[in-house]
Amino acid sequence: MRKRLQSDEGLRIIDNGFTSPNNINYLTSLGHSVFLADIVNDAYAQDWQTGTDEDDKPILNVEGYLEQALNFSGRMFDVVLLWTALDFLPEAFVAPVVSRLHASMNPGGQVLAFFHTKTQGDDAMLLRYHVTAGDDVDMQMTQQYPIQRSFTNRSIEKLFAGWSGHRQFLAKDSVSEVIMTR
């Protein structure tokens, strides 16, 4: 992903998470435009529950959430830095978020996502990721949100089944790194 960011010019990028001046400065210095989204914070900032089902599980206003968190006003994107957001979203939001991202990306667009391999311990915390000019990604602790799940390789493949391809790598700190291509 770093090679693409450094070689392609004028990419439209969604950076997910708390605002990172480091990411904005780095990406714009490469000639890219950056759209900020914070889908995890948006999921917990409001009460999206509209009722409960027969099993007393919450019914969530998914469309309202998508309209607030991922309303791009018709803009199309080339890269999404999704980080670990899907691990922290309520289940009802996960597949619709992936679908909305797919619909908002240009053909050949890519998503960089990390997935926790464990739901317990210090490694299962929501972090803010900062891109760097090198191969490393800096991390910073943010607000505490409960991790909702850990994805298996198969569940990641199933979630992104409508995408043209993906590459998956086992990263440090009990995290799997995945690049999906539209």
N, C-alpha and C. Protein backbone atom coordinates (compact mmCIF):
# COMPACT_ATOMS: atom_id res chain seq x y z
N MET A 1 0.83 -1.19 0.00
CA MET A 1 0.00 0.00 0.00
C MET A 1 0.88 1.26 0.00
N ARG A 2 1.94 1.23 0.78
CA ARG A 2 2.86 2.38 0.82
C ARG A 2 3.40 2.67 -0.57
N LYS A 3 3.76 1.64 -1.32
CA LYS A 3 4.29 1.85 -2.68
C LYS A 3 3.25 2.53 -3.56
N ARG A 4 1.99 2.13 -3.43
CA ARG A 4 0.95 2.77 -4.23
C ARG A 4 0.78 4.22 -3.82
N LEU A 5 0.79 4.49 -2.54
CA LEU A 5 0.63 5.86 -2.06
C LEU A 5 1.77 6.74 -2.55
N GLN A 6 2.96 6.18 -2.64
CA GLN A 6 4.11 6.98 -3.06
C GLN A 6 4.27 7.07 -4.57
N SER A 7 3.69 6.15 -5.34
CA SER A 7 3.89 6.17 -6.78
C SER A 7 2.71 6.79 -7.54
N ASP A 8 1.48 6.55 -7.11
CA ASP A 8 0.31 7.12 -7.78
C ASP A 8 0.08 8.54 -7.29
N GLU A 9 -0.38 9.39 -8.18
CA GLU A 9 -0.65 10.78 -7.80
C GLU A 9 -2.14 11.04 -7.78
N GLY A 10 -2.55 11.97 -6.93
CA GLY A 10 -3.93 12.44 -6.91
C GLY A 10 -4.96 11.42 -6.47
N LEU A 11 -4.58 10.50 -5.59
CA LEU A 11 -5.53 9.52 -5.08
C LEU A 11 -6.52 10.19 -4.12
N ARG A 12 -7.73 9.67 -4.11
CA ARG A 12 -8.72 10.08 -3.11
C ARG A 12 -8.74 8.99 -2.04
N ILE A 13 -8.49 9.42 -0.80
CA ILE A 13 -8.28 8.48 0.29
C ILE A 13 -9.26 8.75 1.42
N ILE A 14 -9.83 7.68 1.96
CA ILE A 14 -10.60 7.76 3.20
C ILE A 14 -9.68 7.28 4.31
N ASP A 15 -9.46 8.12 5.30
CA ASP A 15 -8.68 7.73 6.48
C ASP A 15 -9.67 7.58 7.62
N ASN A 16 -9.83 6.38 8.12
CA ASN A 16 -10.80 6.10 9.16
C ASN A 16 -10.17 6.22 10.55
N GLY A 17 -10.89 6.83 11.44
CA GLY A 17 -10.46 6.94 12.83
C GLY A 17 -10.37 8.38 13.27
N PHE A 18 -9.91 8.57 14.49
CA PHE A 18 -9.72 9.91 15.01
C PHE A 18 -8.80 10.68 14.07
N THR A 19 -9.00 11.97 13.95
CA THR A 19 -8.19 12.80 13.06
C THR A 19 -6.71 12.65 13.40
N SER A 20 -5.93 12.41 12.36
CA SER A 20 -4.49 12.26 12.51
C SER A 20 -3.79 13.33 11.67
N PRO A 21 -3.30 14.40 12.31
CA PRO A 21 -2.55 15.40 11.53
C PRO A 21 -1.37 14.77 10.79
N ASN A 22 -0.76 13.73 11.38
CA ASN A 22 0.36 13.04 10.71
C ASN A 22 -0.10 12.47 9.37
N ASN A 23 -1.25 11.78 9.38
CA ASN A 23 -1.75 11.17 8.14
C ASN A 23 -2.13 12.24 7.13
N ILE A 24 -2.82 13.28 7.58
CA ILE A 24 -3.24 14.35 6.67
C ILE A 24 -2.01 14.99 6.03
N ASN A 25 -1.03 15.34 6.83
CA ASN A 25 0.19 15.98 6.30
C ASN A 25 0.94 15.06 5.35
N TYR A 26 1.11 13.81 5.74
CA TYR A 26 1.86 12.87 4.90
C TYR A 26 1.13 12.63 3.58
N LEU A 27 -0.16 12.34 3.63
CA LEU A 27 -0.90 12.00 2.42
C LEU A 27 -1.06 13.20 1.48
N THR A 28 -1.33 14.37 2.04
CA THR A 28 -1.46 15.54 1.18
C THR A 28 -0.10 15.96 0.60
N SER A 29 0.99 15.71 1.33
CA SER A 29 2.31 16.03 0.78
C SER A 29 2.64 15.16 -0.43
N LEU A 30 1.98 14.01 -0.54
CA LEU A 30 2.16 13.13 -1.70
C LEU A 30 1.20 13.50 -2.84
N GLY A 31 0.37 14.53 -2.62
CA GLY A 31 -0.55 14.99 -3.66
C GLY A 31 -1.92 14.35 -3.63
N HIS A 32 -2.26 13.68 -2.53
CA HIS A 32 -3.55 13.01 -2.43
C HIS A 32 -4.55 13.88 -1.68
N SER A 33 -5.83 13.63 -1.90
CA SER A 33 -6.87 14.29 -1.10
C SER A 33 -7.36 13.28 -0.05
N VAL A 34 -7.66 13.79 1.13
CA VAL A 34 -8.01 12.93 2.26
C VAL A 34 -9.40 13.29 2.76
N PHE A 35 -10.23 12.27 2.89
CA PHE A 35 -11.55 12.40 3.49
C PHE A 35 -11.50 11.66 4.82
N LEU A 36 -11.90 12.31 5.89
CA LEU A 36 -11.84 11.69 7.21
C LEU A 36 -13.19 11.07 7.57
N ALA A 37 -13.15 9.88 8.11
CA ALA A 37 -14.34 9.20 8.62
C ALA A 37 -13.94 8.54 9.93
N ASP A 38 -14.85 8.48 10.85
CA ASP A 38 -14.59 7.83 12.14
C ASP A 38 -15.77 6.92 12.45
N ILE A 39 -15.83 5.79 11.76
CA ILE A 39 -17.03 4.95 11.83
C ILE A 39 -17.24 4.30 13.19
N VAL A 40 -16.18 4.05 13.94
CA VAL A 40 -16.37 3.45 15.27
C VAL A 40 -16.93 4.49 16.23
N ASN A 41 -16.32 5.66 16.26
CA ASN A 41 -16.82 6.71 17.15
C ASN A 41 -18.27 7.07 16.79
N ASP A 42 -18.58 7.15 15.49
CA ASP A 42 -19.95 7.43 15.07
C ASP A 42 -20.91 6.34 15.52
N ALA A 43 -20.46 5.11 15.56
CA ALA A 43 -21.33 4.00 15.98
C ALA A 43 -21.69 4.10 17.46
N TYR A 44 -20.78 4.64 18.27
CA TYR A 44 -21.02 4.72 19.71
C TYR A 44 -21.42 6.11 20.19
N ALA A 45 -21.35 7.12 19.31
CA ALA A 45 -21.66 8.49 19.71
C ALA A 45 -23.16 8.73 19.85
N GLN A 46 -23.96 7.94 19.17
CA GLN A 46 -25.41 8.09 19.23
C GLN A 46 -26.04 6.76 19.58
N ASP A 47 -27.27 6.83 20.02
CA ASP A 47 -28.03 5.62 20.27
C ASP A 47 -28.77 5.26 18.98
N TRP A 48 -28.26 4.28 18.26
CA TRP A 48 -28.85 3.86 16.99
C TRP A 48 -29.95 2.82 17.17
N GLN A 49 -30.22 2.44 18.42
CA GLN A 49 -31.22 1.41 18.68
C GLN A 49 -32.63 1.97 18.47
N THR A 50 -33.41 1.24 17.69
CA THR A 50 -34.80 1.66 17.43
C THR A 50 -35.80 0.75 18.10
N GLY A 51 -35.36 -0.31 18.73
CA GLY A 51 -36.24 -1.26 19.40
C GLY A 51 -35.49 -2.55 19.65
N THR A 52 -36.23 -3.60 19.96
CA THR A 52 -35.65 -4.92 20.16
C THR A 52 -36.45 -5.94 19.38
N ASP A 53 -35.80 -7.04 19.02
CA ASP A 53 -36.49 -8.10 18.30
C ASP A 53 -37.10 -9.10 19.29
N GLU A 54 -37.64 -10.20 18.77
CA GLU A 54 -38.30 -11.19 19.62
C GLU A 54 -37.35 -11.87 20.60
N ASP A 55 -36.04 -11.85 20.32
CA ASP A 55 -35.03 -12.41 21.22
C ASP A 55 -34.44 -11.35 22.14
N ASP A 56 -35.05 -10.17 22.17
CA ASP A 56 -34.63 -9.04 23.00
C ASP A 56 -33.25 -8.50 22.59
N LYS A 57 -32.87 -8.72 21.32
CA LYS A 57 -31.64 -8.15 20.80
C LYS A 57 -31.98 -6.80 20.18
N PRO A 58 -31.05 -5.84 20.27
CA PRO A 58 -31.34 -4.51 19.74
C PRO A 58 -31.50 -4.49 18.23
N ILE A 59 -32.45 -3.69 17.77
CA ILE A 59 -32.62 -3.40 16.35
C ILE A 59 -31.99 -2.03 16.14
N LEU A 60 -31.05 -1.95 15.19
CA LEU A 60 -30.31 -0.72 14.98
C LEU A 60 -30.73 -0.03 13.69
N ASN A 61 -30.68 1.29 13.68
CA ASN A 61 -30.99 2.10 12.51
C ASN A 61 -29.73 2.14 11.63
N VAL A 62 -29.57 1.11 10.81
CA VAL A 62 -28.37 0.96 9.99
C VAL A 62 -28.30 2.06 8.93
N GLU A 63 -29.40 2.36 8.27
CA GLU A 63 -29.40 3.39 7.23
C GLU A 63 -29.05 4.76 7.80
N GLY A 64 -29.59 5.09 8.97
CA GLY A 64 -29.25 6.36 9.61
C GLY A 64 -27.78 6.44 9.95
N TYR A 65 -27.24 5.34 10.45
CA TYR A 65 -25.82 5.29 10.77
C TYR A 65 -24.97 5.48 9.51
N LEU A 66 -25.29 4.75 8.44
CA LEU A 66 -24.53 4.87 7.20
C LEU A 66 -24.59 6.28 6.64
N GLU A 67 -25.77 6.91 6.73
CA GLU A 67 -25.93 8.27 6.21
C GLU A 67 -25.05 9.25 7.00
N GLN A 68 -24.92 9.02 8.28
CA GLN A 68 -24.08 9.92 9.08
C GLN A 68 -22.60 9.60 8.93
N ALA A 69 -22.24 8.33 9.02
CA ALA A 69 -20.83 7.95 9.07
C ALA A 69 -20.16 7.86 7.71
N LEU A 70 -20.92 7.49 6.67
CA LEU A 70 -20.31 7.23 5.37
C LEU A 70 -21.07 7.91 4.23
N ASN A 71 -21.43 9.16 4.43
CA ASN A 71 -22.08 9.93 3.38
C ASN A 71 -20.99 10.69 2.63
N PHE A 72 -20.69 10.25 1.43
CA PHE A 72 -19.60 10.84 0.66
C PHE A 72 -20.09 11.80 -0.42
N SER A 73 -21.37 12.06 -0.47
CA SER A 73 -21.96 13.00 -1.45
C SER A 73 -21.53 12.68 -2.88
N GLY A 74 -21.52 11.41 -3.21
CA GLY A 74 -21.19 10.99 -4.57
C GLY A 74 -19.71 10.88 -4.88
N ARG A 75 -18.83 11.22 -3.96
CA ARG A 75 -17.39 11.10 -4.21
C ARG A 75 -17.00 9.62 -4.30
N MET A 76 -16.05 9.36 -5.17
CA MET A 76 -15.52 8.01 -5.32
C MET A 76 -14.06 8.03 -4.84
N PHE A 77 -13.61 6.90 -4.29
CA PHE A 77 -12.30 6.84 -3.65
C PHE A 77 -11.43 5.75 -4.25
N ASP A 78 -10.12 5.93 -4.05
CA ASP A 78 -9.12 4.98 -4.55
C ASP A 78 -8.54 4.12 -3.44
N VAL A 79 -8.48 4.65 -2.23
CA VAL A 79 -7.87 3.94 -1.10
C VAL A 79 -8.69 4.22 0.15
N VAL A 80 -8.89 3.17 0.95
CA VAL A 80 -9.51 3.32 2.27
C VAL A 80 -8.55 2.74 3.29
N LEU A 81 -8.17 3.57 4.25
CA LEU A 81 -7.38 3.11 5.39
C LEU A 81 -8.37 2.82 6.50
N LEU A 82 -8.81 1.56 6.56
CA LEU A 82 -9.89 1.15 7.46
C LEU A 82 -9.38 0.78 8.84
N TRP A 83 -8.13 0.38 8.92
CA TRP A 83 -7.48 -0.02 10.17
C TRP A 83 -8.27 -1.14 10.84
N THR A 84 -8.54 -1.09 12.14
CA THR A 84 -9.24 -2.18 12.85
C THR A 84 -10.71 -1.88 13.09
N ALA A 85 -11.28 -0.94 12.39
CA ALA A 85 -12.64 -0.47 12.67
C ALA A 85 -13.68 -1.58 12.68
N LEU A 86 -13.60 -2.54 11.77
CA LEU A 86 -14.64 -3.56 11.69
C LEU A 86 -14.69 -4.44 12.93
N ASP A 87 -13.58 -4.57 13.65
CA ASP A 87 -13.57 -5.37 14.88
C ASP A 87 -14.40 -4.74 15.99
N PHE A 88 -14.61 -3.43 15.92
CA PHE A 88 -15.26 -2.70 17.01
C PHE A 88 -16.69 -2.30 16.70
N LEU A 89 -17.13 -2.44 15.47
CA LEU A 89 -18.49 -2.05 15.11
C LEU A 89 -19.51 -3.07 15.61
N PRO A 90 -20.70 -2.60 15.97
CA PRO A 90 -21.79 -3.55 16.24
C PRO A 90 -22.03 -4.41 14.99
N GLU A 91 -22.37 -5.66 15.19
CA GLU A 91 -22.51 -6.62 14.10
C GLU A 91 -23.42 -6.13 12.98
N ALA A 92 -24.50 -5.47 13.32
CA ALA A 92 -25.47 -5.02 12.31
C ALA A 92 -24.86 -4.01 11.33
N PHE A 93 -23.77 -3.35 11.71
CA PHE A 93 -23.16 -2.33 10.86
C PHE A 93 -22.07 -2.88 9.94
N VAL A 94 -21.49 -4.03 10.25
CA VAL A 94 -20.28 -4.50 9.57
C VAL A 94 -20.50 -4.72 8.07
N ALA A 95 -21.41 -5.60 7.69
CA ALA A 95 -21.62 -5.89 6.26
C ALA A 95 -22.11 -4.66 5.50
N PRO A 96 -23.04 -3.85 6.05
CA PRO A 96 -23.44 -2.64 5.33
C PRO A 96 -22.29 -1.64 5.13
N VAL A 97 -21.38 -1.53 6.08
CA VAL A 97 -20.23 -0.65 5.93
C VAL A 97 -19.35 -1.14 4.77
N VAL A 98 -19.07 -2.43 4.72
CA VAL A 98 -18.26 -2.99 3.64
C VAL A 98 -18.95 -2.76 2.30
N SER A 99 -20.25 -2.95 2.25
CA SER A 99 -21.01 -2.72 1.03
C SER A 99 -20.96 -1.25 0.60
N ARG A 100 -21.11 -0.33 1.54
CA ARG A 100 -21.05 1.10 1.22
C ARG A 100 -19.66 1.48 0.73
N LEU A 101 -18.62 0.94 1.35
CA LEU A 101 -17.27 1.23 0.88
C LEU A 101 -17.06 0.71 -0.54
N HIS A 102 -17.54 -0.50 -0.81
CA HIS A 102 -17.42 -1.07 -2.14
C HIS A 102 -18.09 -0.18 -3.17
N ALA A 103 -19.28 0.31 -2.86
CA ALA A 103 -20.02 1.17 -3.79
C ALA A 103 -19.37 2.54 -3.96
N SER A 104 -18.52 2.94 -3.02
CA SER A 104 -17.90 4.27 -3.04
C SER A 104 -16.47 4.26 -3.56
N MET A 105 -16.05 3.12 -4.09
CA MET A 105 -14.67 3.02 -4.55
C MET A 105 -14.60 2.86 -6.06
N ASN A 106 -13.55 3.45 -6.62
CA ASN A 106 -13.28 3.28 -8.04
C ASN A 106 -12.80 1.85 -8.30
N PRO A 107 -13.02 1.31 -9.50
CA PRO A 107 -12.46 -0.01 -9.82
C PRO A 107 -10.94 0.01 -9.59
N GLY A 108 -10.44 -1.04 -8.99
CA GLY A 108 -9.02 -1.11 -8.65
C GLY A 108 -8.69 -0.44 -7.33
N GLY A 109 -9.70 0.18 -6.70
CA GLY A 109 -9.49 0.79 -5.39
C GLY A 109 -9.14 -0.27 -4.36
N GLN A 110 -8.44 0.15 -3.31
CA GLN A 110 -7.99 -0.81 -2.30
C GLN A 110 -8.34 -0.35 -0.90
N VAL A 111 -8.60 -1.34 -0.05
CA VAL A 111 -8.85 -1.12 1.37
C VAL A 111 -7.73 -1.80 2.15
N LEU A 112 -7.12 -1.05 3.05
CA LEU A 112 -6.16 -1.62 3.98
C LEU A 112 -6.88 -1.77 5.32
N ALA A 113 -6.99 -3.00 5.79
CA ALA A 113 -7.68 -3.25 7.06
C ALA A 113 -6.84 -4.19 7.91
N PHE A 114 -6.94 -3.98 9.21
CA PHE A 114 -6.32 -4.88 10.18
C PHE A 114 -7.44 -5.57 10.94
N PHE A 115 -7.22 -6.83 11.29
CA PHE A 115 -8.20 -7.59 12.05
C PHE A 115 -7.51 -8.25 13.23
N HIS A 116 -8.10 -8.10 14.41
CA HIS A 116 -7.56 -8.74 15.61
C HIS A 116 -7.75 -10.25 15.52
N THR A 117 -6.76 -10.97 15.97
CA THR A 117 -6.88 -12.43 16.02
C THR A 117 -7.30 -12.90 17.41
N LYS A 118 -7.35 -11.97 18.37
CA LYS A 118 -7.81 -12.27 19.74
C LYS A 118 -8.75 -11.16 20.18
N THR A 119 -9.69 -11.49 21.05
CA THR A 119 -10.62 -10.46 21.56
C THR A 119 -10.28 -10.04 22.98
N GLN A 120 -9.21 -10.56 23.51
CA GLN A 120 -8.81 -10.25 24.88
C GLN A 120 -7.40 -9.68 24.92
N GLY A 121 -7.10 -8.96 26.00
CA GLY A 121 -5.74 -8.49 26.22
C GLY A 121 -5.48 -7.10 25.68
N ASP A 122 -4.28 -6.60 25.97
CA ASP A 122 -3.90 -5.25 25.57
C ASP A 122 -3.86 -5.07 24.06
N ASP A 123 -3.64 -6.17 23.33
CA ASP A 123 -3.57 -6.07 21.88
C ASP A 123 -4.94 -5.83 21.24
N ALA A 124 -6.01 -6.05 21.99
CA ALA A 124 -7.37 -5.92 21.46
C ALA A 124 -7.98 -4.57 21.84
N MET A 125 -7.23 -3.51 21.61
CA MET A 125 -7.71 -2.17 21.93
C MET A 125 -7.81 -1.36 20.65
N LEU A 126 -8.72 -0.38 20.65
CA LEU A 126 -8.85 0.51 19.51
C LEU A 126 -7.68 1.48 19.52
N LEU A 127 -6.94 1.49 18.43
CA LEU A 127 -5.78 2.36 18.30
C LEU A 127 -5.98 3.31 17.14
N ARG A 128 -5.24 4.40 17.16
CA ARG A 128 -5.18 5.33 16.03
C ARG A 128 -3.89 5.02 15.31
N TYR A 129 -3.98 4.83 14.01
CA TYR A 129 -2.82 4.45 13.21
C TYR A 129 -2.33 5.65 12.42
N HIS A 130 -1.02 5.80 12.36
CA HIS A 130 -0.40 6.90 11.65
C HIS A 130 0.55 6.32 10.60
N VAL A 131 0.31 6.66 9.33
CA VAL A 131 1.19 6.19 8.26
C VAL A 131 2.52 6.94 8.35
N THR A 132 3.56 6.27 7.91
CA THR A 132 4.90 6.87 7.91
C THR A 132 5.50 6.68 6.52
N ALA A 133 6.61 7.33 6.26
CA ALA A 133 7.28 7.20 4.98
C ALA A 133 7.93 5.83 4.81
N GLY A 134 8.14 5.13 5.92
CA GLY A 134 8.76 3.80 5.87
C GLY A 134 7.72 2.70 5.92
N ASP A 135 8.17 1.51 6.28
CA ASP A 135 7.28 0.35 6.34
C ASP A 135 6.48 0.26 7.63
N ASP A 136 6.82 1.07 8.62
CA ASP A 136 6.15 1.00 9.91
C ASP A 136 4.90 1.87 9.94
N VAL A 137 3.98 1.48 10.79
CA VAL A 137 2.79 2.28 11.08
C VAL A 137 2.84 2.59 12.57
N ASP A 138 2.80 3.87 12.91
CA ASP A 138 2.80 4.26 14.32
C ASP A 138 1.40 4.08 14.88
N MET A 139 1.33 3.71 16.16
CA MET A 139 0.04 3.48 16.81
C MET A 139 -0.06 4.34 18.06
N GLN A 140 -1.29 4.76 18.34
CA GLN A 140 -1.57 5.60 19.50
C GLN A 140 -2.88 5.13 20.12
N MET A 141 -2.92 5.01 21.44
CA MET A 141 -4.16 4.59 22.11
C MET A 141 -5.21 5.68 21.97
N THR A 142 -6.47 5.25 21.86
CA THR A 142 -7.59 6.18 21.76
C THR A 142 -8.62 5.80 22.82
N GLN A 143 -9.86 6.17 22.57
CA GLN A 143 -10.92 5.83 23.52
C GLN A 143 -11.09 4.32 23.60
N GLN A 144 -11.61 3.88 24.72
CA GLN A 144 -11.85 2.47 24.94
C GLN A 144 -13.23 2.10 24.39
N TYR A 145 -13.27 1.23 23.42
CA TYR A 145 -14.51 0.65 22.91
C TYR A 145 -14.38 -0.86 23.02
N PRO A 146 -15.48 -1.54 23.23
CA PRO A 146 -15.38 -3.01 23.35
C PRO A 146 -15.16 -3.65 21.98
N ILE A 147 -14.17 -4.53 21.91
CA ILE A 147 -13.98 -5.28 20.68
C ILE A 147 -15.17 -6.24 20.56
N GLN A 148 -15.76 -6.29 19.40
CA GLN A 148 -16.98 -7.07 19.20
C GLN A 148 -16.72 -8.49 18.73
N ARG A 149 -15.60 -8.69 18.05
CA ARG A 149 -15.33 -9.99 17.47
C ARG A 149 -13.90 -10.03 16.97
N SER A 150 -13.42 -11.22 16.72
CA SER A 150 -12.19 -11.37 15.94
C SER A 150 -12.59 -12.14 14.69
N PHE A 151 -12.07 -11.73 13.57
CA PHE A 151 -12.40 -12.35 12.30
C PHE A 151 -11.41 -13.46 11.99
N THR A 152 -11.91 -14.56 11.44
CA THR A 152 -11.04 -15.62 10.94
C THR A 152 -10.73 -15.30 9.47
N ASN A 153 -9.77 -16.00 8.91
CA ASN A 153 -9.45 -15.81 7.49
C ASN A 153 -10.70 -16.04 6.63
N ARG A 154 -11.44 -17.08 6.96
CA ARG A 154 -12.64 -17.42 6.19
C ARG A 154 -13.71 -16.35 6.33
N SER A 155 -13.91 -15.80 7.53
CA SER A 155 -14.95 -14.78 7.70
C SER A 155 -14.57 -13.48 6.99
N ILE A 156 -13.28 -13.19 6.88
CA ILE A 156 -12.83 -12.02 6.12
C ILE A 156 -13.11 -12.23 4.64
N GLU A 157 -12.79 -13.41 4.13
CA GLU A 157 -13.07 -13.73 2.73
C GLU A 157 -14.56 -13.62 2.43
N LYS A 158 -15.39 -14.13 3.33
CA LYS A 158 -16.84 -14.10 3.14
C LYS A 158 -17.36 -12.66 3.17
N LEU A 159 -16.86 -11.85 4.10
CA LEU A 159 -17.30 -10.47 4.23
C LEU A 159 -16.98 -9.66 2.98
N PHE A 160 -15.83 -9.92 2.37
CA PHE A 160 -15.39 -9.20 1.19
C PHE A 160 -15.56 -10.04 -0.09
N ALA A 161 -16.57 -10.89 -0.11
CA ALA A 161 -16.78 -11.80 -1.24
C ALA A 161 -17.03 -11.06 -2.56
N GLY A 162 -17.60 -9.87 -2.54
CA GLY A 162 -17.89 -9.13 -3.75
C GLY A 162 -16.71 -8.37 -4.31
N TRP A 163 -15.56 -8.48 -3.68
CA TRP A 163 -14.36 -7.75 -4.11
C TRP A 163 -13.56 -8.65 -5.03
N SER A 164 -12.73 -8.06 -5.86
CA SER A 164 -12.03 -8.86 -6.87
C SER A 164 -10.86 -9.66 -6.32
N GLY A 165 -10.31 -9.27 -5.19
CA GLY A 165 -9.21 -10.03 -4.63
C GLY A 165 -8.73 -9.46 -3.33
N HIS A 166 -7.96 -10.27 -2.63
CA HIS A 166 -7.36 -9.79 -1.38
C HIS A 166 -6.06 -10.52 -1.11
N ARG A 167 -5.22 -9.83 -0.36
CA ARG A 167 -3.97 -10.41 0.13
C ARG A 167 -3.99 -10.26 1.64
N GLN A 168 -3.58 -11.31 2.31
CA GLN A 168 -3.62 -11.30 3.77
C GLN A 168 -2.26 -11.66 4.33
N PHE A 169 -1.88 -10.92 5.38
CA PHE A 169 -0.58 -11.12 6.02
C PHE A 169 -0.79 -11.16 7.52
N LEU A 170 -0.03 -11.97 8.21
CA LEU A 170 -0.05 -11.97 9.67
C LEU A 170 0.93 -10.92 10.15
N ALA A 171 0.43 -9.94 10.86
CA ALA A 171 1.27 -8.85 11.35
C ALA A 171 1.60 -9.09 12.83
N LYS A 172 2.31 -8.13 13.41
CA LYS A 172 2.66 -8.22 14.82
C LYS A 172 1.43 -7.94 15.68
N ASP A 173 1.56 -8.18 16.96
CA ASP A 173 0.58 -7.78 17.96
C ASP A 173 -0.79 -8.42 17.76
N SER A 174 -0.84 -9.68 17.37
CA SER A 174 -2.09 -10.42 17.21
C SER A 174 -3.05 -9.75 16.24
N VAL A 175 -2.51 -9.24 15.15
CA VAL A 175 -3.30 -8.56 14.14
C VAL A 175 -2.99 -9.16 12.77
N SER A 176 -4.04 -9.33 11.97
CA SER A 176 -3.90 -9.78 10.60
C SER A 176 -4.08 -8.55 9.70
N GLU A 177 -3.22 -8.40 8.72
CA GLU A 177 -3.27 -7.27 7.79
C GLU A 177 -3.82 -7.75 6.46
N VAL A 178 -4.82 -7.05 5.94
CA VAL A 178 -5.47 -7.47 4.71
C VAL A 178 -5.58 -6.27 3.75
N ILE A 179 -5.29 -6.51 2.48
CA ILE A 179 -5.51 -5.51 1.44
C ILE A 179 -6.54 -6.11 0.48
N MET A 180 -7.71 -5.46 0.40
CA MET A 180 -8.76 -5.88 -0.50
C MET A 180 -8.75 -4.96 -1.73
N THR A 181 -9.03 -5.54 -2.88
CA THR A 181 -9.10 -4.75 -4.12
C THR A 181 -10.50 -4.84 -4.68
N ARG A 182 -11.04 -3.70 -5.08
CA ARG A 182 -12.39 -3.67 -5.66
C ARG A 182 -12.31 -4.14 -7.09
